[in-house]
Amino acid sequence: MNITRRSATVLAVTAALFAISVAPAAHADQLDDIKKKGELVVGVLGTDEPNSYIDPKSREIIGYEVDLARAIAQKLGVKLQIKQLAVAARVPELQQGHVDLLAASLTHNKEREAVIDFSLTTFVTGQKVLVKSNSGIKNVADLAGKKVVTIKGGTQEPNIRKAVPNVDVVTFETGPQAFQALQQGKGVAFVNDEVSLLDQHAKLGAAQAQFTILPQNLSVEPLALGIKKGEVKFKALVDGVLRELEKSGEANKLFVKWYGPETKLKFPSRTFKIDSDKVDA
């Protein structure tokens, strides 16, 4: 082999090795990865009863969304691992691969659709406002120019700002912290999902009369499980499990267990089915 041919060969091999080194790695399928590691890591809030909260007796995180996540783990034949997250950390934790799935009171809206995917709608709620009964506030419009408290990183803040453009909003990491701030007089109102407000109001016992939930809805919030963008096979499995729960009647049993007439929330019946991808505009 002469020098020219040898040089050409060396250059060709070098180019081939370089091409391999810069070639994009093959996309790892999340569903296969979950099965391989033998566990499903699910991000939850742990502060939003009855979706996910700490059982005072067992100190474990339980709830409606936790039961949905457990059904998915059982379908996969893997262990369920729960990871508690702050509201604002939910989407980043999913995007960075620190959790496989979000079951964290997550509203399915168009803005989030740009960065993550969603399961079928698992619950439909609305956002409302809780005020002190002696505040003189009778409707949402009365909050103009006043200070309200809510949760950082959720849809509550943009929704109240949209409804009352000149409202003053102070945010907290969790719902209980925001509710405590209302009780301490750090705001005149607390904005949150209706279900959460009903739960917190019920826990007041004899003091319930001191607080009132305003009748107007700020928004209708379809909740869903959050899935990493582009994980088609995993989303298909998650949606398949949810459809099975709906078809078997187990979905309604879970609703009754956590929201029904015998619970603190005392919802008379379920007004939705797990059968569509509702999106909040």
Protein backbone atom coordinates (compact mmCIF):
# COMPACT_ATOMS: atom_id res chain seq x y z
CA MET A 1 0.00 0.00 0.00
CA ASN A 2 1.53 3.31 -0.97
CA ILE A 3 1.50 6.43 1.23
CA THR A 4 -1.38 8.04 -0.67
CA ARG A 5 -3.62 4.99 -0.34
CA ARG A 6 -2.59 4.54 3.31
CA SER A 7 -3.45 8.18 4.09
CA ALA A 8 -6.80 7.84 2.39
CA THR A 9 -7.57 4.73 4.42
CA VAL A 10 -6.62 6.43 7.69
CA LEU A 11 -8.80 9.41 6.83
CA ALA A 12 -11.74 7.15 5.97
CA VAL A 13 -11.46 5.23 9.23
CA THR A 14 -11.13 8.45 11.22
CA ALA A 15 -14.20 9.91 9.53
CA ALA A 16 -16.21 6.78 10.24
CA LEU A 17 -15.22 6.81 13.90
CA PHE A 18 -16.09 10.49 14.15
CA ALA A 19 -19.50 9.90 12.57
CA ILE A 20 -20.23 7.18 15.12
CA SER A 21 -19.16 9.40 18.00
CA VAL A 22 -21.44 12.29 17.00
CA ALA A 23 -24.40 10.21 15.87
CA PRO A 24 -27.44 10.71 18.07
CA ALA A 25 -27.99 7.95 20.58
CA ALA A 26 -30.90 5.66 19.87
CA HIS A 27 -34.01 6.77 21.72
CA ALA A 28 -34.45 4.65 24.81
CA ASP A 29 -38.05 3.58 25.22
CA GLN A 30 -39.32 4.57 28.66
CA LEU A 31 -41.74 1.67 28.94
CA ASP A 32 -38.91 -0.82 28.45
CA ASP A 33 -36.72 1.09 30.91
CA ILE A 34 -39.40 0.96 33.62
CA LYS A 35 -39.81 -2.79 33.17
CA LYS A 36 -36.06 -3.28 33.22
CA LYS A 37 -35.51 -1.37 36.48
CA GLY A 38 -38.55 -3.04 38.05
CA GLU A 39 -40.17 0.08 39.46
CA LEU A 40 -42.44 2.94 38.44
CA VAL A 41 -41.41 6.25 40.00
CA VAL A 42 -44.45 8.50 40.35
CA GLY A 43 -44.32 12.15 41.37
CA VAL A 44 -47.13 13.28 43.69
CA LEU A 45 -47.85 16.37 45.79
CA GLY A 46 -48.55 14.60 49.05
CA THR A 47 -50.31 17.71 50.36
CA ASP A 48 -53.53 17.65 48.34
CA GLU A 49 -56.13 15.46 50.02
CA PRO A 50 -57.72 13.29 48.72
CA ASN A 51 -55.58 13.08 45.55
CA SER A 52 -52.34 12.45 47.44
CA TYR A 53 -51.62 13.10 51.10
CA ILE A 54 -49.82 11.65 54.10
CA ASP A 55 -51.92 9.22 56.13
CA PRO A 56 -51.54 10.39 59.76
CA LYS A 57 -51.57 6.77 60.98
CA SER A 58 -49.27 4.98 58.56
CA ARG A 59 -47.28 8.10 57.51
CA GLU A 60 -47.49 6.79 53.95
CA ILE A 61 -48.75 8.84 51.01
CA ILE A 62 -52.19 7.65 49.93
CA GLY A 63 -55.06 8.98 47.80
CA TYR A 64 -57.09 8.81 44.61
CA GLU A 65 -54.19 9.51 42.26
CA VAL A 66 -51.92 7.17 44.22
CA ASP A 67 -54.43 4.36 43.64
CA LEU A 68 -54.46 5.15 39.90
CA ALA A 69 -50.65 5.01 39.85
CA ARG A 70 -50.72 1.72 41.76
CA ALA A 71 -53.02 0.20 39.12
CA ILE A 72 -50.55 1.20 36.41
CA ALA A 73 -47.61 -0.29 38.34
CA GLN A 74 -49.56 -3.52 38.85
CA LYS A 75 -50.28 -3.72 35.12
CA LEU A 76 -46.56 -3.35 34.45
CA GLY A 77 -45.70 -5.89 37.13
CA VAL A 78 -43.30 -3.48 38.84
CA LYS A 79 -42.92 -1.85 42.25
CA LEU A 80 -44.56 1.54 42.82
CA GLN A 81 -42.21 4.20 44.18
CA ILE A 82 -43.76 7.49 45.30
CA LYS A 83 -41.78 10.72 45.18
CA GLN A 84 -43.20 13.85 46.80
CA LEU A 85 -42.83 17.03 44.74
CA ALA A 86 -43.55 20.74 45.09
CA VAL A 87 -46.17 22.11 42.69
CA ALA A 88 -43.63 24.14 40.72
CA ALA A 89 -41.24 21.16 40.45
CA ARG A 90 -43.70 18.75 38.84
CA VAL A 91 -43.02 19.33 35.14
CA PRO A 92 -39.22 19.87 35.47
CA GLU A 93 -38.87 16.64 37.48
CA LEU A 94 -40.71 14.74 34.73
CA GLN A 95 -38.73 16.34 31.92
CA GLN A 96 -35.42 15.59 33.64
CA GLY A 97 -36.36 11.94 34.12
CA HIS A 98 -36.41 12.04 37.91
CA VAL A 99 -39.93 10.59 37.84
CA ASP A 100 -41.62 8.39 35.25
CA LEU A 101 -45.15 9.72 35.73
CA LEU A 102 -46.91 12.63 37.42
CA ALA A 103 -49.97 11.93 39.56
CA ALA A 104 -49.91 15.35 41.14
CA SER A 105 -53.22 17.23 40.71
CA LEU A 106 -51.96 18.35 37.31
CA THR A 107 -54.27 20.43 35.10
CA HIS A 108 -54.18 19.42 31.44
CA ASN A 109 -53.86 22.68 29.51
CA LYS A 110 -52.50 23.80 26.15
CA GLU A 111 -49.48 25.54 27.63
CA ARG A 112 -48.25 22.34 29.29
CA GLU A 113 -49.03 20.30 26.17
CA ALA A 114 -46.07 22.01 24.54
CA VAL A 115 -43.64 20.37 26.95
CA ILE A 116 -45.26 17.15 28.26
CA ASP A 117 -47.96 14.67 27.29
CA PHE A 118 -51.07 13.78 29.28
CA SER A 119 -53.14 10.71 30.00
CA LEU A 120 -56.90 10.59 29.64
CA THR A 121 -58.64 12.97 32.03
CA THR A 122 -58.82 11.40 35.49
CA PHE A 123 -60.83 14.08 37.30
CA VAL A 124 -62.68 17.30 36.50
CA THR A 125 -62.81 20.10 39.03
CA GLY A 126 -63.04 23.89 39.15
CA GLN A 127 -61.07 26.59 40.89
CA LYS A 128 -62.81 28.75 43.46
CA VAL A 129 -62.08 31.29 46.17
CA LEU A 130 -62.28 30.85 49.94
CA VAL A 131 -62.76 33.99 52.07
CA LYS A 132 -63.42 34.83 55.69
CA SER A 133 -67.17 35.08 56.20
CA ASN A 134 -66.90 38.54 57.79
CA SER A 135 -64.69 39.94 55.01
CA GLY A 136 -67.58 41.51 53.12
CA ILE A 137 -66.43 39.79 49.92
CA LYS A 138 -69.44 38.31 48.13
CA ASN A 139 -68.07 37.61 44.64
CA VAL A 140 -64.79 37.34 42.75
CA ALA A 141 -65.00 40.92 41.45
CA ASP A 142 -64.78 42.17 45.05
CA LEU A 143 -61.14 41.01 45.12
CA ALA A 144 -60.06 43.97 42.95
CA GLY A 145 -57.06 45.67 44.53
CA LYS A 146 -56.91 43.15 47.36
CA LYS A 147 -54.30 40.59 48.39
CA VAL A 148 -55.05 36.91 47.79
CA VAL A 149 -52.94 33.82 48.55
CA THR A 150 -52.47 30.72 46.44
CA ILE A 151 -49.99 28.00 45.41
CA LYS A 152 -46.77 28.67 43.51
CA GLY A 153 -46.39 27.07 40.08
CA GLY A 154 -50.01 26.00 39.49
CA THR A 155 -52.76 27.42 37.29
CA GLN A 156 -54.39 29.21 40.24
CA GLU A 157 -52.34 32.40 39.96
CA PRO A 158 -52.85 33.02 36.22
CA ASN A 159 -56.55 32.21 36.54
CA ILE A 160 -57.20 34.70 39.35
CA ARG A 161 -55.15 37.35 37.55
CA LYS A 162 -57.23 36.77 34.43
CA ALA A 163 -60.47 37.08 36.39
CA VAL A 164 -59.31 40.10 38.43
CA PRO A 165 -56.49 41.90 36.58
CA ASN A 166 -55.52 44.24 39.44
CA VAL A 167 -55.47 41.64 42.22
CA ASP A 168 -52.37 41.30 44.42
CA VAL A 169 -51.21 37.65 44.54
CA VAL A 170 -48.91 36.06 47.13
CA THR A 171 -47.85 32.45 46.49
CA PHE A 172 -46.80 29.62 48.80
CA GLU A 173 -45.23 26.21 48.15
CA THR A 174 -48.25 24.16 49.31
CA GLY A 175 -52.01 24.47 49.78
CA PRO A 176 -51.83 24.07 53.58
CA GLN A 177 -49.26 26.87 53.78
CA ALA A 178 -51.48 29.18 51.71
CA PHE A 179 -54.53 28.31 53.81
CA GLN A 180 -52.58 29.02 56.99
CA ALA A 181 -51.58 32.39 55.53
CA LEU A 182 -55.25 33.22 54.97
CA GLN A 183 -56.03 32.29 58.57
CA GLN A 184 -53.18 34.53 59.72
CA GLY A 185 -54.57 37.49 57.78
CA LYS A 186 -51.82 37.58 55.14
CA GLY A 187 -54.51 37.79 52.46
CA VAL A 188 -58.27 38.25 52.22
CA ALA A 189 -58.85 35.18 50.04
CA PHE A 190 -57.37 31.80 49.12
CA VAL A 191 -57.58 30.53 45.52
CA ASN A 192 -57.41 26.78 44.91
CA ASP A 193 -59.14 23.81 43.28
CA GLU A 194 -62.66 23.39 44.64
CA VAL A 195 -61.93 19.87 45.89
CA SER A 196 -58.97 21.09 47.95
CA LEU A 197 -60.96 24.01 49.34
CA LEU A 198 -63.80 21.69 50.36
CA ASP A 199 -61.32 19.41 52.09
CA GLN A 200 -59.60 22.22 53.96
CA HIS A 201 -62.95 23.76 54.90
CA ALA A 202 -64.18 20.41 56.25
CA LYS A 203 -61.11 20.10 58.49
CA LEU A 204 -62.01 23.32 60.30
CA GLY A 205 -64.73 21.60 62.32
CA ALA A 206 -66.61 24.14 64.42
CA ALA A 207 -64.68 26.99 62.78
CA GLN A 208 -66.19 26.28 59.34
CA ALA A 209 -68.69 29.12 59.79
CA GLN A 210 -65.80 31.58 59.80
CA PHE A 211 -65.02 30.84 56.14
CA THR A 212 -67.07 30.83 52.93
CA ILE A 213 -66.40 29.47 49.45
CA LEU A 214 -67.56 31.95 46.80
CA PRO A 215 -70.01 30.41 44.31
CA GLN A 216 -68.28 31.48 41.08
CA ASN A 217 -65.87 29.16 39.26
CA LEU A 218 -62.65 30.79 38.07
CA SER A 219 -62.11 27.90 35.66
CA VAL A 220 -62.89 24.28 34.92
CA GLU A 221 -59.81 22.13 35.52
CA PRO A 222 -59.45 18.73 33.84
CA LEU A 223 -56.81 16.81 35.77
CA ALA A 224 -54.66 14.12 34.17
CA LEU A 225 -51.48 12.13 34.69
CA GLY A 226 -48.35 13.72 33.25
CA ILE A 227 -46.17 11.74 30.83
CA LYS A 228 -42.81 12.62 29.35
CA LYS A 229 -43.11 14.07 25.84
CA GLY A 230 -42.99 11.55 23.01
CA GLU A 231 -43.27 8.37 25.08
CA VAL A 232 -45.96 6.88 22.84
CA LYS A 233 -45.84 3.29 24.13
CA PHE A 234 -45.93 4.33 27.77
CA LYS A 235 -48.83 6.72 27.19
CA ALA A 236 -50.75 3.97 25.38
CA LEU A 237 -50.26 1.65 28.35
CA VAL A 238 -51.31 4.32 30.88
CA ASP A 239 -54.43 5.19 28.88
CA GLY A 240 -55.19 1.51 28.46
CA VAL A 241 -55.11 0.94 32.22
CA LEU A 242 -57.39 3.93 32.80
CA ARG A 243 -59.87 2.65 30.21
CA GLU A 244 -59.87 -0.76 31.89
CA LEU A 245 -60.61 0.87 35.25
CA GLU A 246 -63.50 2.77 33.72
CA LYS A 247 -64.94 -0.23 31.89
CA SER A 248 -64.74 -2.51 34.93
CA GLY A 249 -66.37 0.02 37.24
CA GLU A 250 -63.22 0.27 39.36
CA ALA A 251 -62.75 3.94 38.43
CA ASN A 252 -66.11 4.82 39.92
CA LYS A 253 -65.30 2.75 43.02
CA LEU A 254 -62.13 4.78 43.49
CA PHE A 255 -64.11 8.00 43.12
CA VAL A 256 -66.59 6.88 45.77
CA LYS A 257 -63.74 5.76 48.04
CA TRP A 258 -62.03 9.14 48.01
CA TYR A 259 -64.76 11.64 47.11
CA GLY A 260 -68.12 9.95 47.70
CA PRO A 261 -70.98 10.53 50.15
CA GLU A 262 -69.20 8.79 53.03
CA THR A 263 -66.08 10.97 52.77
CA LYS A 264 -65.48 14.45 54.14
CA LEU A 265 -66.05 15.90 50.67
CA LYS A 266 -69.43 14.15 50.28
CA PHE A 267 -69.68 14.32 46.47
CA PRO A 268 -73.07 12.75 45.63
CA SER A 269 -71.95 11.27 42.31
CA ARG A 270 -69.29 11.40 39.61
CA THR A 271 -70.05 13.84 36.78
CA PHE A 272 -67.31 12.65 34.39
CA LYS A 273 -65.89 9.46 32.91
CA ILE A 274 -62.31 8.54 32.16
CA ASP A 275 -62.73 8.38 28.41
CA SER A 276 -61.36 11.54 26.81
CA ASP A 277 -58.49 14.02 26.63
CA LYS A 278 -60.13 17.17 27.94
CA VAL A 279 -57.99 20.30 27.66
CA ASP A 280 -58.37 23.51 29.64
CA ALA A 281 -57.88 26.49 27.34
